[in-house]
Amino acid sequence: MQAPGRLSVILIEGLRGHHPLFEPDDIREAFSVPDRPLDATAADQVGQALLAMAREPAHAARGAIDALPLPSRTALIRVYFRLLERAAEERRLSH
């Protein structure tokens, strides 16, 4: 999967089962609640966090993620795992 900047490295690590930008408890919590639509503010927060993941060193991206309100962090985690699913599918199709 072609992902911008550092996001490609993060996804490669994610495909190996390493998710250093997220706490395991946050991941479990994100999938224990129903998916909800985001309002414009939350969508912007998720977008800014994705940009941080692509552009910033891991510690700065982690700081941006940790600063998100819980609903936005939950949405970001779900987006991240959807990206991982897509990357895994692309990997299967290319081999």
C-alpha atoms as a PDB file:
ATOM      1  CA  MET A   1       0.000   0.000   0.000  1.00  0.00           C
ATOM      2  CA  GLN A   2       1.344   3.385  -0.929  1.00  0.00           C
ATOM      3  CA  ALA A   3       0.973   5.628   2.096  1.00  0.00           C
ATOM      4  CA  PRO A   4       2.475   9.069   2.514  1.00  0.00           C
ATOM      5  CA  GLY A   5       5.634   9.683   4.502  1.00  0.00           C
ATOM      6  CA  ARG A   6       6.142   7.832   7.740  1.00  0.00           C
ATOM      7  CA  LEU A   7       2.651   6.359   7.581  1.00  0.00           C
ATOM      8  CA  SER A   8       3.923   3.609   5.281  1.00  0.00           C
ATOM      9  CA  VAL A   9       6.449   2.503   7.935  1.00  0.00           C
ATOM     10  CA  ILE A  10       3.754   2.635  10.612  1.00  0.00           C
ATOM     11  CA  LEU A  11       1.511   0.414   8.476  1.00  0.00           C
ATOM     12  CA  ILE A  12       4.313  -2.059   7.786  1.00  0.00           C
ATOM     13  CA  GLU A  13       4.895  -2.344  11.532  1.00  0.00           C
ATOM     14  CA  GLY A  14       1.149  -2.643  12.078  1.00  0.00           C
ATOM     15  CA  LEU A  15       0.998  -5.569   9.663  1.00  0.00           C
ATOM     16  CA  ARG A  16       3.598  -7.227  11.890  1.00  0.00           C
ATOM     17  CA  GLY A  17       1.344  -6.702  14.907  1.00  0.00           C
ATOM     18  CA  HIS A  18       3.183  -3.709  16.352  1.00  0.00           C
ATOM     19  CA  HIS A  19       1.035  -0.647  17.082  1.00  0.00           C
ATOM     20  CA  PRO A  20       3.343   1.666  19.062  1.00  0.00           C
ATOM     21  CA  LEU A  21       1.237   4.775  18.513  1.00  0.00           C
ATOM     22  CA  PHE A  22      -1.696   3.327  20.440  1.00  0.00           C
ATOM     23  CA  GLU A  23      -2.141   1.850  23.885  1.00  0.00           C
ATOM     24  CA  PRO A  24      -3.551  -1.701  23.864  1.00  0.00           C
ATOM     25  CA  ASP A  25      -6.378  -0.591  26.171  1.00  0.00           C
ATOM     26  CA  ASP A  26      -7.292   2.208  23.745  1.00  0.00           C
ATOM     27  CA  ILE A  27      -7.418  -0.291  20.874  1.00  0.00           C
ATOM     28  CA  ARG A  28      -9.679  -2.646  22.834  1.00  0.00           C
ATOM     29  CA  GLU A  29     -11.920   0.252  23.869  1.00  0.00           C
ATOM     30  CA  ALA A  30     -12.173   1.538  20.294  1.00  0.00           C
ATOM     31  CA  PHE A  31     -13.657  -1.753  19.157  1.00  0.00           C
ATOM     32  CA  SER A  32     -15.926  -2.229  22.156  1.00  0.00           C
ATOM     33  CA  VAL A  33     -18.215   0.648  21.163  1.00  0.00           C
ATOM     34  CA  PRO A  34     -20.357   1.066  18.044  1.00  0.00           C
ATOM     35  CA  ASP A  35     -19.025   3.022  15.086  1.00  0.00           C
ATOM     36  CA  ARG A  36     -20.359   6.575  15.159  1.00  0.00           C
ATOM     37  CA  PRO A  37     -20.352   9.365  12.603  1.00  0.00           C
ATOM     38  CA  LEU A  38     -17.923  12.186  13.304  1.00  0.00           C
ATOM     39  CA  ASP A  39     -18.837  15.829  13.463  1.00  0.00           C
ATOM     40  CA  ALA A  40     -16.697  18.300  11.523  1.00  0.00           C
ATOM     41  CA  THR A  41     -14.458  19.104  14.492  1.00  0.00           C
ATOM     42  CA  ALA A  42     -13.721  15.454  15.244  1.00  0.00           C
ATOM     43  CA  ALA A  43     -13.095  14.695  11.568  1.00  0.00           C
ATOM     44  CA  ASP A  44     -10.606  17.565  11.450  1.00  0.00           C
ATOM     45  CA  GLN A  45      -8.878  16.241  14.577  1.00  0.00           C
ATOM     46  CA  VAL A  46      -8.571  12.777  13.050  1.00  0.00           C
ATOM     47  CA  GLY A  47      -7.221  14.276   9.836  1.00  0.00           C
ATOM     48  CA  GLN A  48      -4.641  16.326  11.725  1.00  0.00           C
ATOM     49  CA  ALA A  49      -3.548  13.229  13.658  1.00  0.00           C
ATOM     50  CA  LEU A  50      -3.178  11.254  10.414  1.00  0.00           C
ATOM     51  CA  LEU A  51      -1.019  14.052   9.033  1.00  0.00           C
ATOM     52  CA  ALA A  52       1.094  13.930  12.195  1.00  0.00           C
ATOM     53  CA  MET A  53       1.477  10.171  11.739  1.00  0.00           C
ATOM     54  CA  ALA A  54       2.675  10.719   8.163  1.00  0.00           C
ATOM     55  CA  ARG A  55       4.938  13.709   8.811  1.00  0.00           C
ATOM     56  CA  GLU A  56       6.211  13.655  12.374  1.00  0.00           C
ATOM     57  CA  PRO A  57       8.589  11.386  14.290  1.00  0.00           C
ATOM     58  CA  ALA A  58       6.814   8.698  16.283  1.00  0.00           C
ATOM     59  CA  HIS A  59       7.072  10.518  19.627  1.00  0.00           C
ATOM     60  CA  ALA A  60       5.452  13.658  18.163  1.00  0.00           C
ATOM     61  CA  ALA A  61       2.725  11.638  16.426  1.00  0.00           C
ATOM     62  CA  ARG A  62       2.086   9.773  19.671  1.00  0.00           C
ATOM     63  CA  GLY A  63       1.744  13.093  21.496  1.00  0.00           C
ATOM     64  CA  ALA A  64      -0.792  14.310  18.942  1.00  0.00           C
ATOM     65  CA  ILE A  65      -2.765  11.085  19.283  1.00  0.00           C
ATOM     66  CA  ASP A  66      -2.692  11.122  23.083  1.00  0.00           C
ATOM     67  CA  ALA A  67      -3.991  14.715  23.041  1.00  0.00           C
ATOM     68  CA  LEU A  68      -7.099  13.771  21.046  1.00  0.00           C
ATOM     69  CA  PRO A  69     -10.454  13.672  22.798  1.00  0.00           C
ATOM     70  CA  LEU A  70     -11.609  10.077  23.261  1.00  0.00           C
ATOM     71  CA  PRO A  71     -14.184  10.046  20.412  1.00  0.00           C
ATOM     72  CA  SER A  72     -11.579  11.319  17.943  1.00  0.00           C
ATOM     73  CA  ARG A  73      -8.928   8.882  19.193  1.00  0.00           C
ATOM     74  CA  THR A  74     -11.425   6.041  18.852  1.00  0.00           C
ATOM     75  CA  ALA A  75     -12.201   7.079  15.273  1.00  0.00           C
ATOM     76  CA  LEU A  76      -8.482   7.361  14.456  1.00  0.00           C
ATOM     77  CA  ILE A  77      -7.810   3.868  15.779  1.00  0.00           C
ATOM     78  CA  ARG A  78     -10.640   2.493  13.653  1.00  0.00           C
ATOM     79  CA  VAL A  79      -9.317   4.301  10.559  1.00  0.00           C
ATOM     80  CA  TYR A  80      -5.822   2.983  11.261  1.00  0.00           C
ATOM     81  CA  PHE A  81      -7.063  -0.609  11.461  1.00  0.00           C
ATOM     82  CA  ARG A  82      -9.089  -0.155   8.268  1.00  0.00           C
ATOM     83  CA  LEU A  83      -5.902   1.034   6.570  1.00  0.00           C
ATOM     84  CA  LEU A  84      -4.144  -2.072   7.899  1.00  0.00           C
ATOM     85  CA  GLU A  85      -6.903  -4.289   6.488  1.00  0.00           C
ATOM     86  CA  ARG A  86      -6.539  -2.617   3.110  1.00  0.00           C
ATOM     87  CA  ALA A  87      -2.739  -2.947   3.196  1.00  0.00           C
ATOM     88  CA  ALA A  88      -3.031  -6.632   4.089  1.00  0.00           C
ATOM     89  CA  GLU A  89      -5.472  -7.199   1.231  1.00  0.00           C
ATOM     90  CA  GLU A  90      -3.182  -5.422  -1.243  1.00  0.00           C
ATOM     91  CA  ARG A  91      -0.271  -7.488  -0.010  1.00  0.00           C
ATOM     92  CA  ARG A  92      -2.231 -10.734  -0.545  1.00  0.00           C
ATOM     93  CA  LEU A  93      -3.243  -9.685  -4.066  1.00  0.00           C
ATOM     94  CA  SER A  94       0.312  -8.773  -5.058  1.00  0.00           C
ATOM     95  CA  HIS A  95       1.832 -12.111  -3.981  1.00  0.00           C
END
